[in-house]
Amino acid sequence: MKLYFECKSGISGDMSVAALLDLGADKAKLDRALASMNLENEFTYNITKKSINSILATDFDVILPEHTHHKENEHHHHTHRNLDDINKIIDKADISENSRKLAKKIFKIVAEAESQVHGKDIKDIHFHEVGAIDSIADIVSFAVLFDDLSPEKVYISTLTDGQGFVVCQHGKIPVPVPAVCQIVSQYKLPLNITDNNGEMVTPTGAAIAAALYNGEKLPNEFLIEKVGYGAGKRDYENPILRVMIIK
């Protein structure tokens, strides 16, 4: 089985999880993985269907106790965890060895990018925005579902981002956000900037793409066996990640 991630409308952690669920990856494995981390007092999650421009997509929504939307308002106060703390949580999770490796790899890509951007040692990078609890949920869920599908090959399209500025913990920052620029630069990911205002590629989304990217170009023609649609939360024109099973 081969997977094609079509990132023409951006990519984020929750969109990636949702698209794999939509493709039929095992939700029970995701439920078991998230329950096994014993973080239920820090988040809950909903998996629902949502219509975006009349396309029925799956929506994966991590809900933090003090407000109702994950990703919209990033000023919540959580325990700040560094990479070691996150790796310990991943080590405790009831997931396969491949899932564990992939989850750690994705987190390390984000942590390295943040350490470059902030000029700090990787041990001193504390995940708040990128890695508060919603990123732990997104990345572990993605790794578990990806391992469940176990594709022998993955193709990643050009990443498409917006422009302008977003306000985050550190103040107002330009889009593509610095961590995304760092990841696409380090992993040689092709990038296309559109005139959409706002962030379409999140650091978690870029890190997922980087962890899977092997530089291979999509074949000129292929058969599509199945399409999964993952809903995004941002309000640009078409926040959907499409992932296809192709042959």
Protein backbone atom coordinates (compact mmCIF):
# COMPACT_ATOMS: atom_id res chain seq x y z
CA MET A 1 0.00 0.00 0.00
CA LYS A 2 1.21 3.50 -0.86
CA LEU A 3 0.04 6.76 0.69
CA TYR A 4 -0.05 10.17 -0.95
CA PHE A 5 -0.38 13.22 1.33
CA GLU A 6 -1.81 16.07 -0.72
CA CYS A 7 -0.87 19.16 1.32
CA LYS A 8 -2.25 21.77 -1.10
CA SER A 9 -4.48 23.13 1.66
CA GLY A 10 -1.86 22.95 4.37
CA ILE A 11 -1.05 20.30 6.96
CA SER A 12 -1.35 20.17 10.74
CA GLY A 13 -1.26 17.43 13.35
CA ASP A 14 -5.02 17.21 13.80
CA MET A 15 -5.67 17.26 10.03
CA SER A 16 -3.19 14.38 9.58
CA VAL A 17 -4.79 12.27 12.32
CA ALA A 18 -8.27 12.97 10.93
CA ALA A 19 -7.30 12.06 7.35
CA LEU A 20 -5.89 8.66 8.43
CA LEU A 21 -9.02 7.96 10.50
CA ASP A 22 -11.08 8.88 7.43
CA LEU A 23 -9.04 6.37 5.41
CA GLY A 24 -10.06 3.65 7.85
CA ALA A 25 -7.08 3.44 10.22
CA ASP A 26 -8.02 1.73 13.51
CA LYS A 27 -9.70 4.16 15.92
CA ALA A 28 -9.59 1.56 18.72
CA LYS A 29 -5.77 1.66 18.61
CA LEU A 30 -5.85 5.46 18.91
CA ASP A 31 -8.27 5.24 21.87
CA ARG A 32 -6.07 2.67 23.61
CA ALA A 33 -2.88 4.66 23.00
CA LEU A 34 -4.32 7.91 24.35
CA ALA A 35 -5.89 6.22 27.40
CA SER A 36 -2.61 4.47 28.22
CA MET A 37 -0.75 7.78 28.67
CA ASN A 38 -2.83 8.60 31.77
CA LEU A 39 -3.35 12.22 30.76
CA GLU A 40 -7.14 12.16 30.81
CA ASN A 41 -7.27 14.98 33.35
CA GLU A 42 -5.36 17.16 30.84
CA PHE A 43 -7.44 16.61 27.69
CA THR A 44 -10.39 14.89 26.06
CA TYR A 45 -11.01 14.48 22.35
CA ASN A 46 -13.84 14.16 19.88
CA ILE A 47 -13.85 12.46 16.50
CA THR A 48 -16.73 13.69 14.36
CA LYS A 49 -17.69 14.29 10.73
CA LYS A 50 -17.75 17.84 9.43
CA SER A 51 -18.70 19.32 6.08
CA ILE A 52 -16.10 21.66 4.56
CA ASN A 53 -17.19 23.25 1.26
CA SER A 54 -19.71 20.38 1.06
CA ILE A 55 -16.96 17.73 1.35
CA LEU A 56 -17.57 15.38 4.26
CA ALA A 57 -14.35 15.19 6.27
CA THR A 58 -13.32 13.64 9.58
CA ASP A 59 -12.51 16.08 12.39
CA PHE A 60 -10.13 15.18 15.25
CA ASP A 61 -10.53 17.72 18.03
CA VAL A 62 -8.42 17.72 21.18
CA ILE A 63 -10.20 19.59 23.97
CA LEU A 64 -8.27 21.13 26.82
CA PRO A 65 -10.13 21.58 30.11
CA GLU A 66 -10.10 25.36 30.28
CA HIS A 67 -11.57 26.09 26.87
CA THR A 68 -13.29 24.28 24.09
CA HIS A 69 -11.03 24.47 21.08
CA HIS A 70 -7.57 23.10 20.49
CA LYS A 71 -5.40 25.31 18.25
CA GLU A 72 -7.52 28.44 18.26
CA ASN A 73 -6.41 30.18 21.41
CA GLU A 74 -2.92 29.26 22.35
CA HIS A 75 -2.69 31.06 25.67
CA HIS A 76 -3.64 28.22 27.95
CA HIS A 77 -1.47 27.42 30.93
CA HIS A 78 -0.11 23.91 31.05
CA THR A 79 2.79 22.13 32.54
CA HIS A 80 5.65 22.94 30.22
CA ARG A 81 7.43 19.75 29.23
CA ASN A 82 10.75 19.29 27.50
CA LEU A 83 11.67 16.56 25.01
CA ASP A 84 12.80 14.14 27.75
CA ASP A 85 9.48 14.53 29.57
CA ILE A 86 7.59 13.88 26.34
CA ASN A 87 9.72 10.84 25.48
CA LYS A 88 8.90 9.40 28.93
CA ILE A 89 5.18 9.83 28.23
CA ILE A 90 5.61 8.12 24.83
CA ASP A 91 7.59 5.29 26.48
CA LYS A 92 4.68 4.61 28.86
CA ALA A 93 2.08 4.50 26.09
CA ASP A 94 0.55 1.21 25.00
CA ILE A 95 1.71 1.44 21.38
CA SER A 96 3.87 -0.58 18.97
CA GLU A 97 7.62 -0.07 18.74
CA ASN A 98 7.26 1.46 15.24
CA SER A 99 4.66 3.93 16.51
CA ARG A 100 6.93 4.87 19.41
CA LYS A 101 9.88 5.48 17.08
CA LEU A 102 7.83 7.61 14.70
CA ALA A 103 6.24 9.68 17.51
CA LYS A 104 9.68 10.38 19.02
CA LYS A 105 11.12 11.23 15.60
CA ILE A 106 8.33 13.77 14.90
CA PHE A 107 8.76 15.41 18.32
CA LYS A 108 12.53 15.56 17.89
CA ILE A 109 12.10 17.34 14.52
CA VAL A 110 9.89 19.97 16.19
CA ALA A 111 12.22 20.35 19.20
CA GLU A 112 15.31 20.74 17.00
CA ALA A 113 13.57 23.39 14.90
CA GLU A 114 12.47 25.31 18.00
CA SER A 115 15.96 25.10 19.49
CA GLN A 116 17.43 26.57 16.28
CA VAL A 117 14.83 29.33 16.10
CA HIS A 118 15.19 30.35 19.76
CA GLY A 119 18.95 29.79 19.97
CA LYS A 120 18.57 27.44 22.92
CA ASP A 121 19.83 23.97 23.73
CA ILE A 122 17.32 21.27 22.82
CA LYS A 123 17.06 20.28 26.52
CA ASP A 124 15.87 23.81 27.31
CA ILE A 125 13.09 23.84 24.75
CA HIS A 126 9.83 23.55 26.62
CA PHE A 127 6.84 22.57 24.60
CA HIS A 128 3.98 24.94 25.22
CA GLU A 129 2.40 25.94 21.95
CA VAL A 130 3.81 23.23 19.77
CA GLY A 131 3.77 20.69 22.37
CA ALA A 132 1.38 21.28 25.03
CA ILE A 133 -0.87 18.43 25.42
CA ASP A 134 -2.64 18.78 22.08
CA SER A 135 0.57 18.06 20.19
CA ILE A 136 1.26 14.99 22.30
CA ALA A 137 -2.24 13.75 21.43
CA ASP A 138 -1.85 14.64 17.72
CA ILE A 139 1.61 13.14 17.27
CA VAL A 140 1.05 9.91 19.21
CA SER A 141 -2.33 9.40 17.49
CA PHE A 142 -0.79 10.02 14.08
CA ALA A 143 2.10 7.60 14.73
CA VAL A 144 -0.30 4.85 15.88
CA LEU A 145 -2.64 5.26 12.89
CA PHE A 146 0.24 5.48 10.39
CA ASP A 147 1.71 2.27 11.81
CA ASP A 148 -1.72 0.64 11.62
CA LEU A 149 -1.87 1.39 7.88
CA SER A 150 1.85 0.50 7.46
CA PRO A 151 2.35 1.83 3.91
CA GLU A 152 5.46 0.60 2.13
CA LYS A 153 5.86 3.96 0.42
CA VAL A 154 4.79 7.56 1.12
CA TYR A 155 4.59 10.52 -1.23
CA ILE A 156 4.31 14.06 0.13
CA SER A 157 3.17 16.92 -2.10
CA THR A 158 4.55 20.46 -1.94
CA LEU A 159 3.57 22.03 1.39
CA THR A 160 1.28 25.01 0.87
CA ASP A 161 1.30 27.80 3.45
CA GLY A 162 -0.25 31.23 3.82
CA GLN A 163 1.31 34.58 4.64
CA GLY A 164 0.93 37.49 7.03
CA PHE A 165 1.31 37.12 10.80
CA VAL A 166 -0.03 35.04 13.66
CA VAL A 167 -0.04 35.92 17.32
CA CYS A 168 1.49 33.30 19.59
CA GLN A 169 3.06 32.98 23.03
CA HIS A 170 6.13 34.92 21.85
CA GLY A 171 4.19 37.80 20.29
CA LYS A 172 3.43 38.43 16.62
CA ILE A 173 5.37 36.17 14.24
CA PRO A 174 5.46 35.91 10.44
CA VAL A 175 3.87 33.11 8.42
CA PRO A 176 5.29 30.61 7.49
CA VAL A 177 6.16 30.52 11.20
CA PRO A 178 9.88 30.28 12.02
CA ALA A 179 9.76 26.64 13.18
CA VAL A 180 8.09 25.65 9.88
CA CYS A 181 10.76 27.55 7.90
CA GLN A 182 13.46 25.75 9.87
CA ILE A 183 11.92 22.31 9.25
CA VAL A 184 11.34 22.81 5.51
CA SER A 185 14.86 24.17 5.16
CA GLN A 186 16.52 21.34 7.07
CA TYR A 187 14.55 18.52 5.43
CA LYS A 188 14.46 20.06 1.93
CA LEU A 189 10.66 20.02 1.76
CA PRO A 190 9.20 21.88 -1.23
CA LEU A 191 7.09 24.87 -0.15
CA ASN A 192 4.55 27.05 -1.92
CA ILE A 193 3.35 30.32 -0.38
CA THR A 194 -0.17 31.41 -1.31
CA ASP A 195 -1.94 34.69 -0.65
CA ASN A 196 -4.13 33.06 2.00
CA ASN A 197 -3.83 35.14 5.13
CA GLY A 198 -2.69 33.04 8.08
CA GLU A 199 -0.97 29.80 9.00
CA MET A 200 -1.79 26.71 6.91
CA VAL A 201 1.23 24.62 7.88
CA THR A 202 1.82 24.15 11.61
CA PRO A 203 5.16 23.03 13.08
CA THR A 204 3.57 19.65 13.93
CA GLY A 205 2.26 19.30 10.37
CA ALA A 206 5.66 20.20 8.89
CA ALA A 207 7.37 17.74 11.25
CA ILE A 208 5.02 14.92 10.21
CA ALA A 209 5.79 15.68 6.55
CA ALA A 210 9.54 15.84 7.29
CA ALA A 211 9.49 12.53 9.19
CA LEU A 212 7.89 10.78 6.21
CA TYR A 213 9.45 12.68 3.29
CA ASN A 214 11.90 10.75 1.13
CA GLY A 215 12.12 13.09 -1.86
CA GLU A 216 10.26 10.70 -4.15
CA LYS A 217 8.03 12.26 -6.77
CA LEU A 218 4.48 11.08 -7.21
CA PRO A 219 4.21 8.84 -10.31
CA ASN A 220 2.66 10.52 -13.38
CA GLU A 221 -0.28 8.19 -13.19
CA PHE A 222 -1.67 5.94 -10.51
CA LEU A 223 -4.90 4.36 -9.34
CA ILE A 224 -6.65 5.82 -6.31
CA GLU A 225 -7.98 3.07 -4.07
CA LYS A 226 -9.37 5.27 -1.30
CA VAL A 227 -9.36 8.93 -0.22
CA GLY A 228 -9.35 10.25 3.36
CA TYR A 229 -10.33 13.84 4.18
CA GLY A 230 -9.00 15.47 7.36
CA ALA A 231 -10.69 18.67 8.49
CA GLY A 232 -8.66 21.68 9.62
CA LYS A 233 -9.76 24.29 12.16
CA ARG A 234 -8.43 27.46 10.52
CA ASP A 235 -10.73 29.72 8.60
CA TYR A 236 -8.99 29.92 5.22
CA GLU A 237 -10.77 28.83 2.08
CA ASN A 238 -10.42 25.05 2.11
CA PRO A 239 -8.83 23.61 5.27
CA ILE A 240 -8.72 19.95 4.23
CA LEU A 241 -5.82 17.51 4.10
CA ARG A 242 -6.38 14.74 1.56
CA VAL A 243 -4.53 11.49 2.00
CA MET A 244 -4.96 8.84 -0.70
CA ILE A 245 -4.20 5.15 -0.83
CA ILE A 246 -2.78 4.71 -4.32
CA LYS A 247 -1.27 1.98 -6.44
